[in-house]
Amino acid sequence: MSSNRVYLIIYILAFYSGIIWLFYRLNRRRQRILVFHHIIPDHLINNTFEQQIVCSSQSHFERLIDIVNKRFEVTTQIGKPNSAIITLDDGSRAALIADRVLTKYGNNAYFFLPLSCVNGGPLWMNKIMGWIAYVAPGEYSIAGKKYDFNSQSSRRKAYRAITDSIRKNGYNYLSIIEQLELICPFEQLNVSEEYSNLRFQGLTDEDVTQLKKKGHKIGGHSVNHDVLSLLTAEKLKDDFKQCGAQINKLFNCSLYAYPFGHQRDVSAECIRECAAAGFTAAVMNEYVPEETAYTLSRMNISRYTSGYEIEAELSGFKQWLRHFRRLEKLFHKI
């Protein structure tokens, strides 16, 4: 029996035995900050790895928002006990699909925008991801290495290898994009106009204005969605300076979301520059055991399909179980 199957059985047993509800009770003072990315209409959902990583269907998103509303008060107030905050990253026009669902439930959310995506095209990492997902099947030489693009699993493997090489070899993603464009221009990929407009185009000024009028919060998410910890000190300072200048302009709040947002991506220098730029708090993209105002945890439930697993995550039971498993492994090593 697979480990995923075992865990699902544990979640089911915990749900019907009352353990899940006990964890909801024990964690009643906690606020959950939830992270989503691109919400896509059901008729545009496909089996590509890029959708598996960062996209949710509109119906699945609505299902999740329905569960969240049944368990918590949905708010935009940071720190409110027993509440949930909904956040959406990256500023694609798929945010407008998310807004349709949120409006149905009377919810407001935080939309975190990289400055370059407003009135713009795809962010650099989305351009690389989209190219790898939708270029014609075959084998391609990129940065001196040959990659197999004949299945979605091999494309996902190639995406990881290419992005890892960008991190390790001078962080020069523009040269990778140039190579990809020479093989096949982004505009010639097998992507429908409707999907491209939602997934690979940024919100317009008018879109942002309308979201703010509806009561949503617009926050900072860097200039180009760079890995901030890989920028030079000068570029890091300038990135936050440009974002800070948009507080009370493009941004109607002083909350920031670190791009990528894992602990390896957010150095102490990033946190200092974030505070110096005028942001009063910032969110990560994962659980942080000892969080501060500038390293607030976020929870990703978008990849879960089982209602039992969703409840286990929201209640805090799944987090406890992960911690218990880590302690067990550590005990066995001693």
C-alpha atoms as a PDB file:
ATOM      1  CA  MET A   1       0.000   0.000   0.000  1.00  0.00           C
ATOM      2  CA  SER A   2       1.391   3.438  -0.947  1.00  0.00           C
ATOM      3  CA  SER A   3       2.221   6.012   1.718  1.00  0.00           C
ATOM      4  CA  ASN A   4      -0.374   8.401   0.222  1.00  0.00           C
ATOM      5  CA  ARG A   5      -3.044   5.742   0.676  1.00  0.00           C
ATOM      6  CA  VAL A   6      -1.950   5.145   4.269  1.00  0.00           C
ATOM      7  CA  TYR A   7      -2.130   8.853   5.073  1.00  0.00           C
ATOM      8  CA  LEU A   8      -5.565   9.143   3.481  1.00  0.00           C
ATOM      9  CA  ILE A   9      -6.819   6.328   5.720  1.00  0.00           C
ATOM     10  CA  ILE A  10      -5.351   8.174   8.721  1.00  0.00           C
ATOM     11  CA  TYR A  11      -7.176  11.380   7.716  1.00  0.00           C
ATOM     12  CA  ILE A  12     -10.463   9.505   7.293  1.00  0.00           C
ATOM     13  CA  LEU A  13     -10.107   7.848  10.697  1.00  0.00           C
ATOM     14  CA  ALA A  14      -9.150  11.168  12.291  1.00  0.00           C
ATOM     15  CA  PHE A  15     -12.185  12.829  10.710  1.00  0.00           C
ATOM     16  CA  TYR A  16     -14.765  10.300  11.905  1.00  0.00           C
ATOM     17  CA  SER A  17     -13.163   9.751  15.334  1.00  0.00           C
ATOM     18  CA  GLY A  18     -13.329  13.465  16.110  1.00  0.00           C
ATOM     19  CA  ILE A  19      -9.571  14.075  16.122  1.00  0.00           C
ATOM     20  CA  ILE A  20      -9.834  16.592  13.255  1.00  0.00           C
ATOM     21  CA  TRP A  21     -12.447  18.549  15.210  1.00  0.00           C
ATOM     22  CA  LEU A  22     -10.251  18.435  18.306  1.00  0.00           C
ATOM     23  CA  PHE A  23      -7.424  20.018  16.310  1.00  0.00           C
ATOM     24  CA  TYR A  24      -9.770  22.710  15.032  1.00  0.00           C
ATOM     25  CA  ARG A  25     -10.579  23.416  18.680  1.00  0.00           C
ATOM     26  CA  LEU A  26      -6.948  23.378  19.807  1.00  0.00           C
ATOM     27  CA  ASN A  27      -5.960  25.751  16.984  1.00  0.00           C
ATOM     28  CA  ARG A  28      -8.968  28.044  17.293  1.00  0.00           C
ATOM     29  CA  ARG A  29      -6.762  31.071  17.979  1.00  0.00           C
ATOM     30  CA  ARG A  30      -4.738  30.579  14.800  1.00  0.00           C
ATOM     31  CA  GLN A  31      -5.268  32.402  11.560  1.00  0.00           C
ATOM     32  CA  ARG A  32      -4.833  30.489   8.292  1.00  0.00           C
ATOM     33  CA  ILE A  33      -3.323  32.361   5.355  1.00  0.00           C
ATOM     34  CA  LEU A  34      -4.028  30.400   2.179  1.00  0.00           C
ATOM     35  CA  VAL A  35      -2.067  30.723  -1.062  1.00  0.00           C
ATOM     36  CA  PHE A  36      -3.352  30.146  -4.596  1.00  0.00           C
ATOM     37  CA  HIS A  37      -1.981  31.078  -8.001  1.00  0.00           C
ATOM     38  CA  HIS A  38      -3.873  30.791 -11.298  1.00  0.00           C
ATOM     39  CA  ILE A  39      -7.585  29.921 -11.278  1.00  0.00           C
ATOM     40  CA  ILE A  40      -8.583  28.492 -14.660  1.00  0.00           C
ATOM     41  CA  PRO A  41     -12.074  27.830 -16.113  1.00  0.00           C
ATOM     42  CA  ASP A  42     -12.818  24.119 -16.198  1.00  0.00           C
ATOM     43  CA  HIS A  43     -12.987  23.900 -19.984  1.00  0.00           C
ATOM     44  CA  LEU A  44      -9.366  25.088 -20.203  1.00  0.00           C
ATOM     45  CA  ILE A  45      -7.945  22.554 -17.762  1.00  0.00           C
ATOM     46  CA  ASN A  46      -5.459  20.099 -19.293  1.00  0.00           C
ATOM     47  CA  ASN A  47      -2.908  17.525 -18.161  1.00  0.00           C
ATOM     48  CA  THR A  48       0.231  19.671 -18.498  1.00  0.00           C
ATOM     49  CA  PHE A  49       2.730  19.795 -15.667  1.00  0.00           C
ATOM     50  CA  GLU A  50       2.504  23.605 -15.513  1.00  0.00           C
ATOM     51  CA  GLN A  51      -1.167  23.404 -14.568  1.00  0.00           C
ATOM     52  CA  GLN A  52      -0.413  20.681 -12.034  1.00  0.00           C
ATOM     53  CA  ILE A  53       2.129  22.962 -10.349  1.00  0.00           C
ATOM     54  CA  VAL A  54       0.446  26.376 -10.281  1.00  0.00           C
ATOM     55  CA  CYS A  55      -3.145  26.157 -11.573  1.00  0.00           C
ATOM     56  CA  SER A  56      -6.473  25.198 -10.041  1.00  0.00           C
ATOM     57  CA  SER A  57      -9.709  24.652 -11.884  1.00  0.00           C
ATOM     58  CA  GLN A  58     -12.497  27.117 -11.164  1.00  0.00           C
ATOM     59  CA  SER A  59     -14.727  24.359  -9.767  1.00  0.00           C
ATOM     60  CA  HIS A  60     -11.986  23.028  -7.462  1.00  0.00           C
ATOM     61  CA  PHE A  61     -11.198  26.541  -6.239  1.00  0.00           C
ATOM     62  CA  GLU A  62     -14.886  27.074  -5.486  1.00  0.00           C
ATOM     63  CA  ARG A  63     -15.015  23.802  -3.580  1.00  0.00           C
ATOM     64  CA  LEU A  64     -12.042  24.870  -1.462  1.00  0.00           C
ATOM     65  CA  ILE A  65     -13.452  28.347  -0.826  1.00  0.00           C
ATOM     66  CA  ASP A  66     -16.758  26.766   0.209  1.00  0.00           C
ATOM     67  CA  ILE A  67     -14.980  24.585   2.804  1.00  0.00           C
ATOM     68  CA  VAL A  68     -12.946  27.531   4.078  1.00  0.00           C
ATOM     69  CA  ASN A  69     -16.073  29.647   4.526  1.00  0.00           C
ATOM     70  CA  LYS A  70     -17.742  26.852   6.510  1.00  0.00           C
ATOM     71  CA  ARG A  71     -14.815  26.614   8.912  1.00  0.00           C
ATOM     72  CA  PHE A  72     -13.633  30.220   9.304  1.00  0.00           C
ATOM     73  CA  GLU A  73     -14.476  33.853   8.966  1.00  0.00           C
ATOM     74  CA  VAL A  74     -12.748  35.006   5.772  1.00  0.00           C
ATOM     75  CA  THR A  75     -11.042  38.351   6.343  1.00  0.00           C
ATOM     76  CA  THR A  76      -8.253  40.628   5.132  1.00  0.00           C
ATOM     77  CA  GLN A  77      -7.302  41.576   8.684  1.00  0.00           C
ATOM     78  CA  ILE A  78      -3.903  40.160   9.571  1.00  0.00           C
ATOM     79  CA  GLY A  79      -3.785  38.353  12.914  1.00  0.00           C
ATOM     80  CA  LYS A  80      -7.518  37.907  13.520  1.00  0.00           C
ATOM     81  CA  PRO A  81      -8.060  34.682  15.515  1.00  0.00           C
ATOM     82  CA  ASN A  82      -9.938  31.739  14.007  1.00  0.00           C
ATOM     83  CA  SER A  83     -10.096  33.356  10.581  1.00  0.00           C
ATOM     84  CA  ALA A  84      -8.729  32.719   7.109  1.00  0.00           C
ATOM     85  CA  ILE A  85      -7.067  35.017   4.613  1.00  0.00           C
ATOM     86  CA  ILE A  86      -7.156  34.118   0.927  1.00  0.00           C
ATOM     87  CA  THR A  87      -4.179  35.210  -1.166  1.00  0.00           C
ATOM     88  CA  LEU A  88      -3.435  34.853  -4.882  1.00  0.00           C
ATOM     89  CA  ASP A  89       0.034  35.358  -6.344  1.00  0.00           C
ATOM     90  CA  ASP A  90       1.575  36.455  -9.637  1.00  0.00           C
ATOM     91  CA  GLY A  91      -1.005  38.830 -11.107  1.00  0.00           C
ATOM     92  CA  SER A  92      -2.147  36.959 -14.206  1.00  0.00           C
ATOM     93  CA  ARG A  93      -5.593  37.743 -15.627  1.00  0.00           C
ATOM     94  CA  ALA A  94      -6.722  34.404 -14.204  1.00  0.00           C
ATOM     95  CA  ALA A  95      -7.185  36.481 -11.059  1.00  0.00           C
ATOM     96  CA  LEU A  96     -10.446  37.676 -12.628  1.00  0.00           C
ATOM     97  CA  ILE A  97     -11.740  34.087 -12.564  1.00  0.00           C
ATOM     98  CA  ALA A  98     -10.843  33.858  -8.880  1.00  0.00           C
ATOM     99  CA  ASP A  99     -12.719  37.113  -8.271  1.00  0.00           C
ATOM    100  CA  ARG A 100     -15.910  35.575  -9.726  1.00  0.00           C
ATOM    101  CA  VAL A 101     -15.808  32.818  -7.112  1.00  0.00           C
ATOM    102  CA  LEU A 102     -14.851  35.149  -4.272  1.00  0.00           C
ATOM    103  CA  THR A 103     -17.709  37.499  -5.174  1.00  0.00           C
ATOM    104  CA  LYS A 104     -20.167  34.602  -4.926  1.00  0.00           C
ATOM    105  CA  TYR A 105     -19.087  34.046  -1.301  1.00  0.00           C
ATOM    106  CA  GLY A 106     -18.764  37.720  -0.434  1.00  0.00           C
ATOM    107  CA  ASN A 107     -15.040  37.263   0.206  1.00  0.00           C
ATOM    108  CA  ASN A 108     -12.221  39.724  -0.283  1.00  0.00           C
ATOM    109  CA  ALA A 109      -8.669  38.523  -0.878  1.00  0.00           C
ATOM    110  CA  TYR A 110      -5.103  39.703  -1.310  1.00  0.00           C
ATOM    111  CA  PHE A 111      -3.767  39.771  -4.861  1.00  0.00           C
ATOM    112  CA  PHE A 112       0.037  40.017  -4.929  1.00  0.00           C
ATOM    113  CA  LEU A 113       1.363  41.601  -8.128  1.00  0.00           C
ATOM    114  CA  PRO A 114       4.882  41.758  -9.568  1.00  0.00           C
ATOM    115  CA  LEU A 115       5.200  45.258 -11.021  1.00  0.00           C
ATOM    116  CA  SER A 116       6.309  44.021 -14.447  1.00  0.00           C
ATOM    117  CA  CYS A 117       3.185  41.916 -14.954  1.00  0.00           C
ATOM    118  CA  VAL A 118       0.770  44.864 -14.764  1.00  0.00           C
ATOM    119  CA  ASN A 119      -0.168  45.618 -18.378  1.00  0.00           C
ATOM    120  CA  GLY A 120       2.535  43.124 -19.331  1.00  0.00           C
ATOM    121  CA  GLY A 121       3.118  39.640 -20.651  1.00  0.00           C
ATOM    122  CA  PRO A 122       4.316  36.509 -18.890  1.00  0.00           C
ATOM    123  CA  LEU A 123       6.801  36.643 -16.048  1.00  0.00           C
ATOM    124  CA  TRP A 124      10.134  35.065 -16.874  1.00  0.00           C
ATOM    125  CA  MET A 125       9.505  31.839 -14.946  1.00  0.00           C
ATOM    126  CA  ASN A 126       6.033  31.496 -16.483  1.00  0.00           C
ATOM    127  CA  LYS A 127       7.516  32.003 -19.926  1.00  0.00           C
ATOM    128  CA  ILE A 128      10.000  29.187 -19.333  1.00  0.00           C
ATOM    129  CA  MET A 129       7.355  26.958 -17.756  1.00  0.00           C
ATOM    130  CA  GLY A 130       4.853  27.620 -20.543  1.00  0.00           C
ATOM    131  CA  TRP A 131       7.421  27.014 -23.275  1.00  0.00           C
ATOM    132  CA  ILE A 132       8.461  23.685 -21.789  1.00  0.00           C
ATOM    133  CA  ALA A 133       4.816  22.628 -21.309  1.00  0.00           C
ATOM    134  CA  TYR A 134       3.540  23.513 -24.790  1.00  0.00           C
ATOM    135  CA  VAL A 135       6.401  23.246 -27.283  1.00  0.00           C
ATOM    136  CA  ALA A 136       6.014  20.390 -29.767  1.00  0.00           C
ATOM    137  CA  PRO A 137       7.180  16.945 -28.551  1.00  0.00           C
ATOM    138  CA  GLY A 138      10.805  16.081 -29.249  1.00  0.00           C
ATOM    139  CA  GLU A 139      14.312  16.427 -27.875  1.00  0.00           C
ATOM    140  CA  TYR A 140      15.851  19.868 -27.435  1.00  0.00           C
ATOM    141  CA  SER A 141      19.328  21.083 -26.545  1.00  0.00           C
ATOM    142  CA  ILE A 142      19.170  23.915 -24.026  1.00  0.00           C
ATOM    143  CA  ALA A 143      22.243  25.452 -22.402  1.00  0.00           C
ATOM    144  CA  GLY A 144      24.391  22.620 -23.716  1.00  0.00           C
ATOM    145  CA  LYS A 145      22.194  19.809 -22.387  1.00  0.00           C
ATOM    146  CA  LYS A 146      19.684  17.640 -24.220  1.00  0.00           C
ATOM    147  CA  TYR A 147      16.205  17.259 -22.750  1.00  0.00           C
ATOM    148  CA  ASP A 148      13.342  14.916 -23.590  1.00  0.00           C
ATOM    149  CA  PHE A 149       9.996  16.680 -24.097  1.00  0.00           C
ATOM    150  CA  ASN A 150       7.949  13.652 -25.167  1.00  0.00           C
ATOM    151  CA  SER A 151       5.829  13.345 -22.020  1.00  0.00           C
ATOM    152  CA  GLN A 152       4.568  15.621 -19.284  1.00  0.00           C
ATOM    153  CA  SER A 153       6.697  13.817 -16.703  1.00  0.00           C
ATOM    154  CA  SER A 154       9.848  14.342 -18.768  1.00  0.00           C
ATOM    155  CA  ARG A 155       8.893  17.991 -19.360  1.00  0.00           C
ATOM    156  CA  ARG A 156       8.445  18.503 -15.629  1.00  0.00           C
ATOM    157  CA  LYS A 157      11.833  16.906 -15.021  1.00  0.00           C
ATOM    158  CA  ALA A 158      13.382  19.213 -17.651  1.00  0.00           C
ATOM    159  CA  TYR A 159      11.750  22.267 -16.070  1.00  0.00           C
ATOM    160  CA  ARG A 160      13.228  21.406 -12.690  1.00  0.00           C
ATOM    161  CA  ALA A 161      16.670  20.787 -14.167  1.00  0.00           C
ATOM    162  CA  ILE A 162      16.651  24.030 -16.176  1.00  0.00           C
ATOM    163  CA  THR A 163      15.443  26.206 -13.298  1.00  0.00           C
ATOM    164  CA  ASP A 164      17.938  24.571 -10.943  1.00  0.00           C
ATOM    165  CA  SER A 165      20.712  25.351 -13.417  1.00  0.00           C
ATOM    166  CA  ILE A 166      19.565  28.983 -13.549  1.00  0.00           C
ATOM    167  CA  ARG A 167      19.880  29.220  -9.768  1.00  0.00           C
ATOM    168  CA  LYS A 168      23.314  27.600  -9.728  1.00  0.00           C
ATOM    169  CA  ASN A 169      24.909  29.172 -12.821  1.00  0.00           C
ATOM    170  CA  GLY A 170      24.806  32.922 -12.450  1.00  0.00           C
ATOM    171  CA  TYR A 171      21.013  33.398 -12.390  1.00  0.00           C
ATOM    172  CA  ASN A 172      20.941  34.410 -16.057  1.00  0.00           C
ATOM    173  CA  TYR A 173      17.437  33.369 -17.061  1.00  0.00           C
ATOM    174  CA  LEU A 174      17.347  35.824 -19.972  1.00  0.00           C
ATOM    175  CA  SER A 175      19.896  33.768 -21.887  1.00  0.00           C
ATOM    176  CA  ILE A 176      17.727  30.652 -21.406  1.00  0.00           C
ATOM    177  CA  ILE A 177      14.668  32.506 -22.708  1.00  0.00           C
ATOM    178  CA  GLU A 178      16.646  33.693 -25.734  1.00  0.00           C
ATOM    179  CA  GLN A 179      17.611  30.094 -26.533  1.00  0.00           C
ATOM    180  CA  LEU A 180      14.004  28.925 -26.187  1.00  0.00           C
ATOM    181  CA  GLU A 181      12.754  31.714 -28.455  1.00  0.00           C
ATOM    182  CA  LEU A 182      15.256  30.703 -31.133  1.00  0.00           C
ATOM    183  CA  ILE A 183      13.949  27.132 -31.074  1.00  0.00           C
ATOM    184  CA  CYS A 184      10.294  28.212 -31.098  1.00  0.00           C
ATOM    185  CA  PRO A 185       8.918  31.719 -30.448  1.00  0.00           C
ATOM    186  CA  PHE A 186       6.569  31.825 -27.483  1.00  0.00           C
ATOM    187  CA  GLU A 187       3.773  33.194 -29.687  1.00  0.00           C
ATOM    188  CA  GLN A 188       3.899  30.051 -31.851  1.00  0.00           C
ATOM    189  CA  LEU A 189       3.348  27.562 -29.030  1.00  0.00           C
ATOM    190  CA  ASN A 190       0.255  25.366 -29.080  1.00  0.00           C
ATOM    191  CA  VAL A 191      -1.723  27.504 -26.623  1.00  0.00           C
ATOM    192  CA  SER A 192      -5.233  28.806 -27.232  1.00  0.00           C
ATOM    193  CA  GLU A 193      -5.735  32.554 -27.259  1.00  0.00           C
ATOM    194  CA  GLU A 194      -8.257  32.315 -24.422  1.00  0.00           C
ATOM    195  CA  TYR A 195      -5.887  30.362 -22.191  1.00  0.00           C
ATOM    196  CA  SER A 196      -2.885  32.514 -23.062  1.00  0.00           C
ATOM    197  CA  ASN A 197      -4.819  35.665 -22.182  1.00  0.00           C
ATOM    198  CA  LEU A 198      -5.704  34.323 -18.746  1.00  0.00           C
ATOM    199  CA  ARG A 199      -2.539  32.445 -17.826  1.00  0.00           C
ATOM    200  CA  PHE A 200       0.250  34.373 -19.547  1.00  0.00           C
ATOM    201  CA  GLN A 201      -0.981  37.977 -19.571  1.00  0.00           C
ATOM    202  CA  GLY A 202      -0.883  40.292 -16.587  1.00  0.00           C
ATOM    203  CA  LEU A 203      -3.729  42.272 -15.107  1.00  0.00           C
ATOM    204  CA  THR A 204      -4.314  45.676 -16.670  1.00  0.00           C
ATOM    205  CA  ASP A 205      -4.539  48.937 -14.743  1.00  0.00           C
ATOM    206  CA  GLU A 206      -8.313  48.813 -15.202  1.00  0.00           C
ATOM    207  CA  ASP A 207      -8.454  45.232 -13.876  1.00  0.00           C
ATOM    208  CA  VAL A 208      -6.546  46.294 -10.763  1.00  0.00           C
ATOM    209  CA  THR A 209      -8.793  49.323 -10.256  1.00  0.00           C
ATOM    210  CA  GLN A 210     -11.896  47.144 -10.420  1.00  0.00           C
ATOM    211  CA  LEU A 211     -10.454  44.624  -7.938  1.00  0.00           C
ATOM    212  CA  LYS A 212      -9.726  47.432  -5.486  1.00  0.00           C
ATOM    213  CA  LYS A 213     -13.228  48.866  -5.922  1.00  0.00           C
ATOM    214  CA  LYS A 214     -14.620  45.473  -4.923  1.00  0.00           C
ATOM    215  CA  GLY A 215     -12.674  45.600  -1.669  1.00  0.00           C
ATOM    216  CA  HIS A 216      -9.754  43.346  -2.540  1.00  0.00           C
ATOM    217  CA  LYS A 217      -6.255  44.149  -1.318  1.00  0.00           C
ATOM    218  CA  ILE A 218      -3.413  44.593  -3.804  1.00  0.00           C
ATOM    219  CA  GLY A 219       0.043  43.889  -2.403  1.00  0.00           C
ATOM    220  CA  GLY A 220       3.654  43.779  -3.498  1.00  0.00           C
ATOM    221  CA  HIS A 221       5.317  40.735  -5.038  1.00  0.00           C
ATOM    222  CA  SER A 222       8.642  42.169  -6.327  1.00  0.00           C
ATOM    223  CA  VAL A 223       9.367  43.750  -9.715  1.00  0.00           C
ATOM    224  CA  ASN A 224      10.043  40.705 -11.908  1.00  0.00           C
ATOM    225  CA  HIS A 225       9.344  37.783  -9.549  1.00  0.00           C
ATOM    226  CA  ASP A 226      13.052  37.196  -9.077  1.00  0.00           C
ATOM    227  CA  VAL A 227      14.587  34.867  -6.524  1.00  0.00           C
ATOM    228  CA  LEU A 228      15.403  37.703  -4.152  1.00  0.00           C
ATOM    229  CA  SER A 229      18.145  35.851  -2.271  1.00  0.00           C
ATOM    230  CA  LEU A 230      20.093  35.541  -5.557  1.00  0.00           C
ATOM    231  CA  LEU A 231      20.078  39.258  -6.351  1.00  0.00           C
ATOM    232  CA  THR A 232      23.043  41.493  -5.601  1.00  0.00           C
ATOM    233  CA  ALA A 233      22.653  43.823  -2.635  1.00  0.00           C
ATOM    234  CA  GLU A 234      22.177  46.772  -4.995  1.00  0.00           C
ATOM    235  CA  LYS A 235      19.516  45.044  -7.115  1.00  0.00           C
ATOM    236  CA  LEU A 236      17.723  43.764  -4.026  1.00  0.00           C
ATOM    237  CA  LYS A 237      17.525  47.250  -2.539  1.00  0.00           C
ATOM    238  CA  ASP A 238      16.314  48.711  -5.826  1.00  0.00           C
ATOM    239  CA  ASP A 239      13.664  45.997  -6.219  1.00  0.00           C
ATOM    240  CA  PHE A 240      12.160  46.764  -2.817  1.00  0.00           C
ATOM    241  CA  LYS A 241      12.516  50.508  -3.374  1.00  0.00           C
ATOM    242  CA  GLN A 242      10.424  50.293  -6.552  1.00  0.00           C
ATOM    243  CA  CYS A 243       7.788  48.182  -4.793  1.00  0.00           C
ATOM    244  CA  GLY A 244       7.726  50.375  -1.703  1.00  0.00           C
ATOM    245  CA  ALA A 245       7.082  53.413  -3.889  1.00  0.00           C
ATOM    246  CA  GLN A 246       3.803  51.809  -4.984  1.00  0.00           C
ATOM    247  CA  ILE A 247       2.303  51.596  -1.485  1.00  0.00           C
ATOM    248  CA  ASN A 248      -0.867  53.743  -1.489  1.00  0.00           C
ATOM    249  CA  LYS A 249      -0.613  53.928  -5.290  1.00  0.00           C
ATOM    250  CA  LEU A 250      -0.828  50.642  -7.180  1.00  0.00           C
ATOM    251  CA  PHE A 251      -0.883  48.821  -3.837  1.00  0.00           C
ATOM    252  CA  ASN A 252      -3.674  49.605  -1.392  1.00  0.00           C
ATOM    253  CA  CYS A 253      -2.027  47.747   1.481  1.00  0.00           C
ATOM    254  CA  SER A 254       1.452  47.342   2.936  1.00  0.00           C
ATOM    255  CA  LEU A 255       1.558  43.528   2.886  1.00  0.00           C
ATOM    256  CA  TYR A 256       4.230  41.871   0.740  1.00  0.00           C
ATOM    257  CA  ALA A 257       4.562  38.320  -0.617  1.00  0.00           C
ATOM    258  CA  TYR A 258       8.082  37.049  -1.310  1.00  0.00           C
ATOM    259  CA  PRO A 259       8.397  35.528  -4.810  1.00  0.00           C
ATOM    260  CA  PHE A 260       8.854  31.750  -4.619  1.00  0.00           C
ATOM    261  CA  GLY A 261       8.665  32.308  -0.865  1.00  0.00           C
ATOM    262  CA  HIS A 262      10.499  29.333   0.571  1.00  0.00           C
ATOM    263  CA  GLN A 263      13.044  29.855   3.300  1.00  0.00           C
ATOM    264  CA  ARG A 264      15.974  29.303   0.935  1.00  0.00           C
ATOM    265  CA  ASP A 265      14.626  32.177  -1.201  1.00  0.00           C
ATOM    266  CA  VAL A 266      14.273  34.711   1.622  1.00  0.00           C
ATOM    267  CA  SER A 267      17.506  35.831   3.263  1.00  0.00           C
ATOM    268  CA  ALA A 268      17.905  38.109   6.282  1.00  0.00           C
ATOM    269  CA  GLU A 269      18.812  40.887   3.823  1.00  0.00           C
ATOM    270  CA  CYS A 270      15.475  40.380   2.012  1.00  0.00           C
ATOM    271  CA  ILE A 271      13.580  40.800   5.263  1.00  0.00           C
ATOM    272  CA  ARG A 272      15.523  43.952   6.199  1.00  0.00           C
ATOM    273  CA  GLU A 273      14.947  45.544   2.789  1.00  0.00           C
ATOM    274  CA  CYS A 274      11.261  44.617   2.903  1.00  0.00           C
ATOM    275  CA  ALA A 275      10.838  46.458   6.198  1.00  0.00           C
ATOM    276  CA  ALA A 276      12.977  49.407   5.040  1.00  0.00           C
ATOM    277  CA  ALA A 277      10.784  49.786   1.916  1.00  0.00           C
ATOM    278  CA  GLY A 278       7.726  50.460   4.069  1.00  0.00           C
ATOM    279  CA  PHE A 279       5.987  47.087   4.080  1.00  0.00           C
ATOM    280  CA  THR A 280       4.583  46.291   7.530  1.00  0.00           C
ATOM    281  CA  ALA A 281       4.366  42.505   7.083  1.00  0.00           C
ATOM    282  CA  ALA A 282       5.255  39.795   4.567  1.00  0.00           C
ATOM    283  CA  VAL A 283       4.121  36.268   3.782  1.00  0.00           C
ATOM    284  CA  MET A 284       6.141  33.211   2.859  1.00  0.00           C
ATOM    285  CA  ASN A 285       4.972  30.324   0.673  1.00  0.00           C
ATOM    286  CA  GLU A 286       5.281  27.605   3.292  1.00  0.00           C
ATOM    287  CA  TYR A 287       4.912  26.887   7.004  1.00  0.00           C
ATOM    288  CA  VAL A 288       7.422  28.710   9.194  1.00  0.00           C
ATOM    289  CA  PRO A 289       7.741  27.247  12.727  1.00  0.00           C
ATOM    290  CA  GLU A 290       8.901  30.495  14.352  1.00  0.00           C
ATOM    291  CA  GLU A 291       7.219  33.123  12.237  1.00  0.00           C
ATOM    292  CA  THR A 292       7.535  36.876  12.603  1.00  0.00           C
ATOM    293  CA  ALA A 293       5.599  39.756  11.043  1.00  0.00           C
ATOM    294  CA  TYR A 294       7.933  39.445   8.027  1.00  0.00           C
ATOM    295  CA  THR A 295       7.839  35.646   7.748  1.00  0.00           C
ATOM    296  CA  LEU A 296       4.150  34.808   8.055  1.00  0.00           C
ATOM    297  CA  SER A 297       3.284  31.228   7.106  1.00  0.00           C
ATOM    298  CA  ARG A 298       0.992  30.377   4.221  1.00  0.00           C
ATOM    299  CA  MET A 299      -0.857  27.155   3.578  1.00  0.00           C
ATOM    300  CA  ASN A 300      -1.313  25.609   0.116  1.00  0.00           C
ATOM    301  CA  ILE A 301      -4.435  23.447  -0.076  1.00  0.00           C
ATOM    302  CA  SER A 302      -4.926  23.829  -3.833  1.00  0.00           C
ATOM    303  CA  ARG A 303      -3.264  20.492  -4.669  1.00  0.00           C
ATOM    304  CA  TYR A 304      -5.528  18.436  -2.383  1.00  0.00           C
ATOM    305  CA  THR A 305      -8.533  16.651  -3.869  1.00  0.00           C
ATOM    306  CA  SER A 306      -9.660  14.656  -0.838  1.00  0.00           C
ATOM    307  CA  GLY A 307     -11.984  16.530   1.518  1.00  0.00           C
ATOM    308  CA  TYR A 308     -10.467  14.575   4.412  1.00  0.00           C
ATOM    309  CA  GLU A 309      -6.968  15.787   3.523  1.00  0.00           C
ATOM    310  CA  ILE A 310      -8.213  19.369   3.161  1.00  0.00           C
ATOM    311  CA  GLU A 311      -9.805  19.204   6.622  1.00  0.00           C
ATOM    312  CA  ALA A 312      -6.637  17.641   8.051  1.00  0.00           C
ATOM    313  CA  GLU A 313      -4.557  20.536   6.695  1.00  0.00           C
ATOM    314  CA  LEU A 314      -6.926  23.307   7.739  1.00  0.00           C
ATOM    315  CA  SER A 315      -7.372  21.916  11.246  1.00  0.00           C
ATOM    316  CA  GLY A 316      -3.627  21.655  11.875  1.00  0.00           C
ATOM    317  CA  PHE A 317      -3.728  17.865  12.216  1.00  0.00           C
ATOM    318  CA  LYS A 318      -1.665  17.288   9.094  1.00  0.00           C
ATOM    319  CA  GLN A 319       0.969  19.756  10.276  1.00  0.00           C
ATOM    320  CA  TRP A 320       1.134  17.978  13.641  1.00  0.00           C
ATOM    321  CA  LEU A 321       1.424  14.631  11.872  1.00  0.00           C
ATOM    322  CA  ARG A 322       4.348  15.886   9.751  1.00  0.00           C
ATOM    323  CA  HIS A 323       6.074  17.162  12.888  1.00  0.00           C
ATOM    324  CA  PHE A 324       5.432  13.844  14.659  1.00  0.00           C
ATOM    325  CA  ARG A 325       6.934  11.915  11.719  1.00  0.00           C
ATOM    326  CA  ARG A 326      10.040  14.130  11.766  1.00  0.00           C
ATOM    327  CA  LEU A 327      10.494  13.503  15.486  1.00  0.00           C
ATOM    328  CA  GLU A 328      10.022   9.754  14.936  1.00  0.00           C
ATOM    329  CA  LYS A 329      12.699   9.692  12.233  1.00  0.00           C
ATOM    330  CA  LEU A 330      15.042  11.691  14.441  1.00  0.00           C
ATOM    331  CA  PHE A 331      14.416   9.256  17.317  1.00  0.00           C
ATOM    332  CA  HIS A 332      15.299   6.277  15.140  1.00  0.00           C
ATOM    333  CA  LYS A 333      18.572   7.944  14.129  1.00  0.00           C
ATOM    334  CA  ILE A 334      19.688   8.369  17.734  1.00  0.00           C
END
